[in-house]
Amino acid sequence: MLVRQVIARTDLLKEFKIKKLRSMLVMLTLFPTPFKEIYYVPTHEERKASTMESPELVLTKAIRMFLSTDNFYYSCRTAEEHWAIKWQPIGEIHVVNTEISRTIDLKNRITKNEMKANPRAKRISKIISLYGNKIIFHKVKSIADAKFKRTPYGAYALRSQIKKDKKRFRERETEDE
């Protein structure tokens, strides 16, 4: 198993027995991602600190595995934060894709884990919070005409595309702007 990789449970079961896999999950040898049965293999230092060197890159790899495609890009507020158009992070990740339209509320998972007494749940809460508070998937027929730039951390919409997407998806501005 290579460190800094995102891996699905099905691939892990090919390599490890179910008992070993369960113990790896309990000991947090594998970090959870926002998606069920998709995990991140941290380095030893990341494991000790319960953090990730690059949560954006991990999230991009996890989304690629979750959607089973590379047809997606980050837009709206997420792209604005990446390109430093907006400086105040709000914890929402907007993903424009061709597969699904859904919202994953991570804040709820974070809160539930924080309320538990055991230290493992608190570590999981800290790890999940690195991804943000909410992941919003916006489904479109095609991203062929979209204007975005691919970076090592994912594909991010350009300024003109951000404006179109905000209008199309009716993203509400927050009061602090």
C-alpha atoms as a PDB file:
ATOM      1  CA  MET A   1       0.000   0.000   0.000  1.00  0.00           C
ATOM      2  CA  LEU A   2       1.482   3.304  -1.078  1.00  0.00           C
ATOM      3  CA  VAL A   3       1.307   6.341   1.199  1.00  0.00           C
ATOM      4  CA  ARG A   4      -0.502   9.503   0.039  1.00  0.00           C
ATOM      5  CA  GLN A   5      -2.862   7.457  -2.100  1.00  0.00           C
ATOM      6  CA  VAL A   6      -6.628   7.237  -2.106  1.00  0.00           C
ATOM      7  CA  ILE A   7      -7.894   3.678  -2.172  1.00  0.00           C
ATOM      8  CA  ALA A   8     -11.272   1.958  -2.276  1.00  0.00           C
ATOM      9  CA  ARG A   9     -12.353  -0.724   0.171  1.00  0.00           C
ATOM     10  CA  THR A  10     -12.688  -3.262  -2.655  1.00  0.00           C
ATOM     11  CA  ASP A  11      -9.002  -2.782  -3.549  1.00  0.00           C
ATOM     12  CA  LEU A  12      -8.023  -3.082   0.109  1.00  0.00           C
ATOM     13  CA  LEU A  13      -9.907  -6.384   0.409  1.00  0.00           C
ATOM     14  CA  LYS A  14      -7.805  -7.787  -2.430  1.00  0.00           C
ATOM     15  CA  GLU A  15      -4.685  -7.012  -0.433  1.00  0.00           C
ATOM     16  CA  PHE A  16      -5.800  -7.605   3.182  1.00  0.00           C
ATOM     17  CA  LYS A  17      -8.133  -9.920   5.043  1.00  0.00           C
ATOM     18  CA  ILE A  18     -11.287  -8.333   6.475  1.00  0.00           C
ATOM     19  CA  LYS A  19      -9.998  -8.675  10.061  1.00  0.00           C
ATOM     20  CA  LYS A  20      -6.766  -6.835   9.225  1.00  0.00           C
ATOM     21  CA  LEU A  21      -8.696  -4.155   7.335  1.00  0.00           C
ATOM     22  CA  ARG A  22     -10.995  -3.559  10.310  1.00  0.00           C
ATOM     23  CA  SER A  23      -8.034  -3.173  12.642  1.00  0.00           C
ATOM     24  CA  MET A  24      -6.436  -0.686  10.214  1.00  0.00           C
ATOM     25  CA  LEU A  25      -9.637   1.366  10.238  1.00  0.00           C
ATOM     26  CA  VAL A  26      -9.926   1.246  14.032  1.00  0.00           C
ATOM     27  CA  MET A  27      -6.293   2.288  14.501  1.00  0.00           C
ATOM     28  CA  LEU A  28      -6.687   5.029  11.859  1.00  0.00           C
ATOM     29  CA  THR A  29      -3.939   3.600   9.699  1.00  0.00           C
ATOM     30  CA  LEU A  30      -6.324   4.652   6.931  1.00  0.00           C
ATOM     31  CA  PHE A  31      -7.960   8.072   7.100  1.00  0.00           C
ATOM     32  CA  PRO A  32     -11.625   8.445   6.158  1.00  0.00           C
ATOM     33  CA  THR A  33     -12.670  10.603   3.227  1.00  0.00           C
ATOM     34  CA  PRO A  34     -16.091  12.220   2.819  1.00  0.00           C
ATOM     35  CA  PHE A  35     -17.189   9.197   0.781  1.00  0.00           C
ATOM     36  CA  LYS A  36     -18.114   5.762   2.083  1.00  0.00           C
ATOM     37  CA  GLU A  37     -15.575   3.000   1.529  1.00  0.00           C
ATOM     38  CA  ILE A  38     -12.922   5.346   0.103  1.00  0.00           C
ATOM     39  CA  TYR A  39      -9.858   5.922   2.282  1.00  0.00           C
ATOM     40  CA  TYR A  40      -6.625   7.889   2.279  1.00  0.00           C
ATOM     41  CA  VAL A  41      -3.297   6.273   3.207  1.00  0.00           C
ATOM     42  CA  PRO A  42      -1.443   8.863   5.303  1.00  0.00           C
ATOM     43  CA  THR A  43       2.283   9.143   5.904  1.00  0.00           C
ATOM     44  CA  HIS A  44       3.593   8.281   9.355  1.00  0.00           C
ATOM     45  CA  GLU A  45       3.845  11.993  10.254  1.00  0.00           C
ATOM     46  CA  GLU A  46       0.300  12.695   9.048  1.00  0.00           C
ATOM     47  CA  ARG A  47      -0.984   9.783  11.122  1.00  0.00           C
ATOM     48  CA  LYS A  48       0.723  10.979  14.286  1.00  0.00           C
ATOM     49  CA  ALA A  49      -0.621  14.522  13.848  1.00  0.00           C
ATOM     50  CA  SER A  50      -4.076  13.473  12.532  1.00  0.00           C
ATOM     51  CA  THR A  51      -3.712  15.895   9.652  1.00  0.00           C
ATOM     52  CA  MET A  52      -2.982  15.900   5.925  1.00  0.00           C
ATOM     53  CA  GLU A  53      -0.327  17.752   4.022  1.00  0.00           C
ATOM     54  CA  SER A  54      -2.703  18.525   1.152  1.00  0.00           C
ATOM     55  CA  PRO A  55      -6.420  18.009   1.833  1.00  0.00           C
ATOM     56  CA  GLU A  56      -7.303  19.533  -1.581  1.00  0.00           C
ATOM     57  CA  LEU A  57      -5.299  16.908  -3.425  1.00  0.00           C
ATOM     58  CA  VAL A  58      -6.747  14.081  -1.313  1.00  0.00           C
ATOM     59  CA  LEU A  59     -10.269  15.395  -1.914  1.00  0.00           C
ATOM     60  CA  THR A  60      -9.666  15.605  -5.668  1.00  0.00           C
ATOM     61  CA  LYS A  61      -8.447  11.995  -5.763  1.00  0.00           C
ATOM     62  CA  ALA A  62     -11.381  10.851  -3.612  1.00  0.00           C
ATOM     63  CA  ILE A  63     -13.899  12.673  -5.832  1.00  0.00           C
ATOM     64  CA  ARG A  64     -12.298  11.131  -8.924  1.00  0.00           C
ATOM     65  CA  MET A  65     -12.733   7.684  -7.355  1.00  0.00           C
ATOM     66  CA  PHE A  66     -16.266   8.441  -6.070  1.00  0.00           C
ATOM     67  CA  LEU A  67     -17.490   9.680  -9.475  1.00  0.00           C
ATOM     68  CA  SER A  68     -15.424   7.108 -11.427  1.00  0.00           C
ATOM     69  CA  THR A  69     -14.506   9.852 -13.862  1.00  0.00           C
ATOM     70  CA  ASP A  70     -12.250  12.851 -14.314  1.00  0.00           C
ATOM     71  CA  ASN A  71     -15.126  14.922 -15.762  1.00  0.00           C
ATOM     72  CA  PHE A  72     -15.433  17.458 -12.955  1.00  0.00           C
ATOM     73  CA  TYR A  73     -14.053  20.797 -11.869  1.00  0.00           C
ATOM     74  CA  TYR A  74     -14.318  23.038  -8.838  1.00  0.00           C
ATOM     75  CA  SER A  75     -16.377  26.179  -9.309  1.00  0.00           C
ATOM     76  CA  CYS A  76     -18.293  28.936  -7.524  1.00  0.00           C
ATOM     77  CA  ARG A  77     -16.868  29.845  -4.127  1.00  0.00           C
ATOM     78  CA  THR A  78     -14.326  27.001  -4.157  1.00  0.00           C
ATOM     79  CA  ALA A  79     -12.650  28.324  -7.313  1.00  0.00           C
ATOM     80  CA  GLU A  80     -12.825  31.891  -5.996  1.00  0.00           C
ATOM     81  CA  GLU A  81     -10.958  30.826  -2.864  1.00  0.00           C
ATOM     82  CA  HIS A  82      -8.390  28.895  -4.917  1.00  0.00           C
ATOM     83  CA  TRP A  83      -7.671  31.836  -7.227  1.00  0.00           C
ATOM     84  CA  ALA A  84      -7.699  34.268  -4.232  1.00  0.00           C
ATOM     85  CA  ILE A  85     -10.680  36.220  -5.580  1.00  0.00           C
ATOM     86  CA  LYS A  86     -12.328  35.744  -2.165  1.00  0.00           C
ATOM     87  CA  TRP A  87     -10.185  35.456   0.935  1.00  0.00           C
ATOM     88  CA  GLN A  88     -12.703  34.336   3.540  1.00  0.00           C
ATOM     89  CA  PRO A  89     -13.114  30.523   3.351  1.00  0.00           C
ATOM     90  CA  ILE A  90     -16.651  29.279   4.031  1.00  0.00           C
ATOM     91  CA  GLY A  91     -15.977  25.545   3.943  1.00  0.00           C
ATOM     92  CA  GLU A  92     -18.191  24.711   0.957  1.00  0.00           C
ATOM     93  CA  ILE A  93     -16.766  22.712  -1.911  1.00  0.00           C
ATOM     94  CA  HIS A  94     -18.643  23.154  -5.215  1.00  0.00           C
ATOM     95  CA  VAL A  95     -18.014  20.386  -7.744  1.00  0.00           C
ATOM     96  CA  VAL A  96     -19.446  20.647 -11.250  1.00  0.00           C
ATOM     97  CA  ASN A  97     -19.677  17.191 -12.817  1.00  0.00           C
ATOM     98  CA  THR A  98     -21.548  15.047 -15.328  1.00  0.00           C
ATOM     99  CA  GLU A  99     -22.618  12.285 -12.932  1.00  0.00           C
ATOM    100  CA  ILE A 100     -24.578  13.380  -9.840  1.00  0.00           C
ATOM    101  CA  SER A 101     -26.343  16.264  -8.145  1.00  0.00           C
ATOM    102  CA  ARG A 102     -26.120  15.947  -4.374  1.00  0.00           C
ATOM    103  CA  THR A 103     -25.034  17.676  -1.191  1.00  0.00           C
ATOM    104  CA  ILE A 104     -22.899  15.926   1.404  1.00  0.00           C
ATOM    105  CA  ASP A 105     -23.130  17.609   4.802  1.00  0.00           C
ATOM    106  CA  LEU A 106     -19.815  17.035   6.545  1.00  0.00           C
ATOM    107  CA  LYS A 107     -20.587  19.497   9.348  1.00  0.00           C
ATOM    108  CA  ASN A 108     -23.182  17.061  10.689  1.00  0.00           C
ATOM    109  CA  ARG A 109     -20.636  14.195  10.738  1.00  0.00           C
ATOM    110  CA  ILE A 110     -18.039  16.431  12.380  1.00  0.00           C
ATOM    111  CA  THR A 111     -20.461  17.510  15.112  1.00  0.00           C
ATOM    112  CA  LYS A 112     -21.595  13.934  15.839  1.00  0.00           C
ATOM    113  CA  ASN A 113     -18.002  12.740  16.206  1.00  0.00           C
ATOM    114  CA  GLU A 114     -17.025  15.714  18.383  1.00  0.00           C
ATOM    115  CA  MET A 115     -19.860  14.907  20.794  1.00  0.00           C
ATOM    116  CA  LYS A 116     -18.612  11.353  21.353  1.00  0.00           C
ATOM    117  CA  ALA A 117     -16.347  10.754  24.324  1.00  0.00           C
ATOM    118  CA  ASN A 118     -13.730   8.515  22.747  1.00  0.00           C
ATOM    119  CA  PRO A 119     -10.485  10.022  21.380  1.00  0.00           C
ATOM    120  CA  ARG A 120     -10.730   8.119  18.076  1.00  0.00           C
ATOM    121  CA  ALA A 121     -14.022   9.862  17.227  1.00  0.00           C
ATOM    122  CA  LYS A 122     -12.437  13.224  17.986  1.00  0.00           C
ATOM    123  CA  ARG A 123      -9.512  12.394  15.672  1.00  0.00           C
ATOM    124  CA  ILE A 124     -11.959  11.377  12.931  1.00  0.00           C
ATOM    125  CA  SER A 125     -13.789  14.659  13.461  1.00  0.00           C
ATOM    126  CA  LYS A 126     -10.530  16.573  13.018  1.00  0.00           C
ATOM    127  CA  ILE A 127      -9.650  14.635   9.857  1.00  0.00           C
ATOM    128  CA  ILE A 128     -13.097  15.091   8.267  1.00  0.00           C
ATOM    129  CA  SER A 129     -13.031  18.828   9.069  1.00  0.00           C
ATOM    130  CA  LEU A 130      -9.986  19.210   6.801  1.00  0.00           C
ATOM    131  CA  TYR A 131     -12.255  18.638   3.789  1.00  0.00           C
ATOM    132  CA  GLY A 132     -14.660  21.474   4.662  1.00  0.00           C
ATOM    133  CA  ASN A 133     -18.226  21.649   5.948  1.00  0.00           C
ATOM    134  CA  LYS A 134     -20.218  20.741   2.860  1.00  0.00           C
ATOM    135  CA  ILE A 135     -19.583  19.235  -0.576  1.00  0.00           C
ATOM    136  CA  ILE A 136     -22.079  20.306  -3.212  1.00  0.00           C
ATOM    137  CA  PHE A 137     -22.187  18.395  -6.487  1.00  0.00           C
ATOM    138  CA  HIS A 138     -23.759  20.264  -9.428  1.00  0.00           C
ATOM    139  CA  LYS A 139     -24.728  18.027 -12.353  1.00  0.00           C
ATOM    140  CA  VAL A 140     -24.399  19.293 -15.937  1.00  0.00           C
ATOM    141  CA  LYS A 141     -24.774  17.521 -19.274  1.00  0.00           C
ATOM    142  CA  SER A 142     -21.224  18.274 -20.366  1.00  0.00           C
ATOM    143  CA  ILE A 143     -18.184  20.153 -19.155  1.00  0.00           C
ATOM    144  CA  ALA A 144     -16.657  20.359 -22.629  1.00  0.00           C
ATOM    145  CA  ASP A 145     -17.477  24.068 -23.050  1.00  0.00           C
ATOM    146  CA  ALA A 146     -16.527  25.042 -19.497  1.00  0.00           C
ATOM    147  CA  LYS A 147     -13.482  27.221 -18.962  1.00  0.00           C
ATOM    148  CA  PHE A 148     -11.257  25.791 -16.263  1.00  0.00           C
ATOM    149  CA  LYS A 149      -7.594  25.238 -15.605  1.00  0.00           C
ATOM    150  CA  ARG A 150      -6.135  21.965 -14.394  1.00  0.00           C
ATOM    151  CA  THR A 151      -3.681  22.252 -11.513  1.00  0.00           C
ATOM    152  CA  PRO A 152      -1.931  19.545  -9.504  1.00  0.00           C
ATOM    153  CA  TYR A 153      -4.709  19.990  -6.901  1.00  0.00           C
ATOM    154  CA  GLY A 154      -7.619  19.664  -9.327  1.00  0.00           C
ATOM    155  CA  ALA A 155      -9.412  21.551 -12.102  1.00  0.00           C
ATOM    156  CA  TYR A 156     -10.647  25.016 -11.095  1.00  0.00           C
ATOM    157  CA  ALA A 157     -13.058  27.224 -13.038  1.00  0.00           C
ATOM    158  CA  LEU A 158     -11.716  30.473 -14.441  1.00  0.00           C
ATOM    159  CA  ARG A 159     -13.245  33.824 -13.457  1.00  0.00           C
ATOM    160  CA  SER A 160     -15.658  33.963 -16.436  1.00  0.00           C
ATOM    161  CA  GLN A 161     -16.845  30.404 -15.764  1.00  0.00           C
ATOM    162  CA  ILE A 162     -17.297  31.122 -12.058  1.00  0.00           C
ATOM    163  CA  LYS A 163     -19.745  33.919 -12.912  1.00  0.00           C
ATOM    164  CA  LYS A 164     -21.708  31.641 -15.253  1.00  0.00           C
ATOM    165  CA  ASP A 165     -21.807  28.810 -12.733  1.00  0.00           C
ATOM    166  CA  LYS A 166     -22.890  31.046  -9.854  1.00  0.00           C
ATOM    167  CA  LYS A 167     -25.763  32.288 -11.977  1.00  0.00           C
ATOM    168  CA  ARG A 168     -26.638  28.802 -13.234  1.00  0.00           C
ATOM    169  CA  PHE A 169     -26.567  27.179  -9.792  1.00  0.00           C
ATOM    170  CA  ARG A 170     -27.932  30.265  -8.001  1.00  0.00           C
ATOM    171  CA  GLU A 171     -25.245  30.232  -5.368  1.00  0.00           C
ATOM    172  CA  ARG A 172     -26.232  32.684  -2.641  1.00  0.00           C
ATOM    173  CA  GLU A 173     -23.696  35.204  -1.467  1.00  0.00           C
ATOM    174  CA  THR A 174     -23.035  35.213   2.259  1.00  0.00           C
ATOM    175  CA  GLU A 175     -23.765  38.274   4.377  1.00  0.00           C
ATOM    176  CA  ASP A 176     -20.085  39.020   5.038  1.00  0.00           C
ATOM    177  CA  GLU A 177     -19.452  40.039   1.433  1.00  0.00           C
END
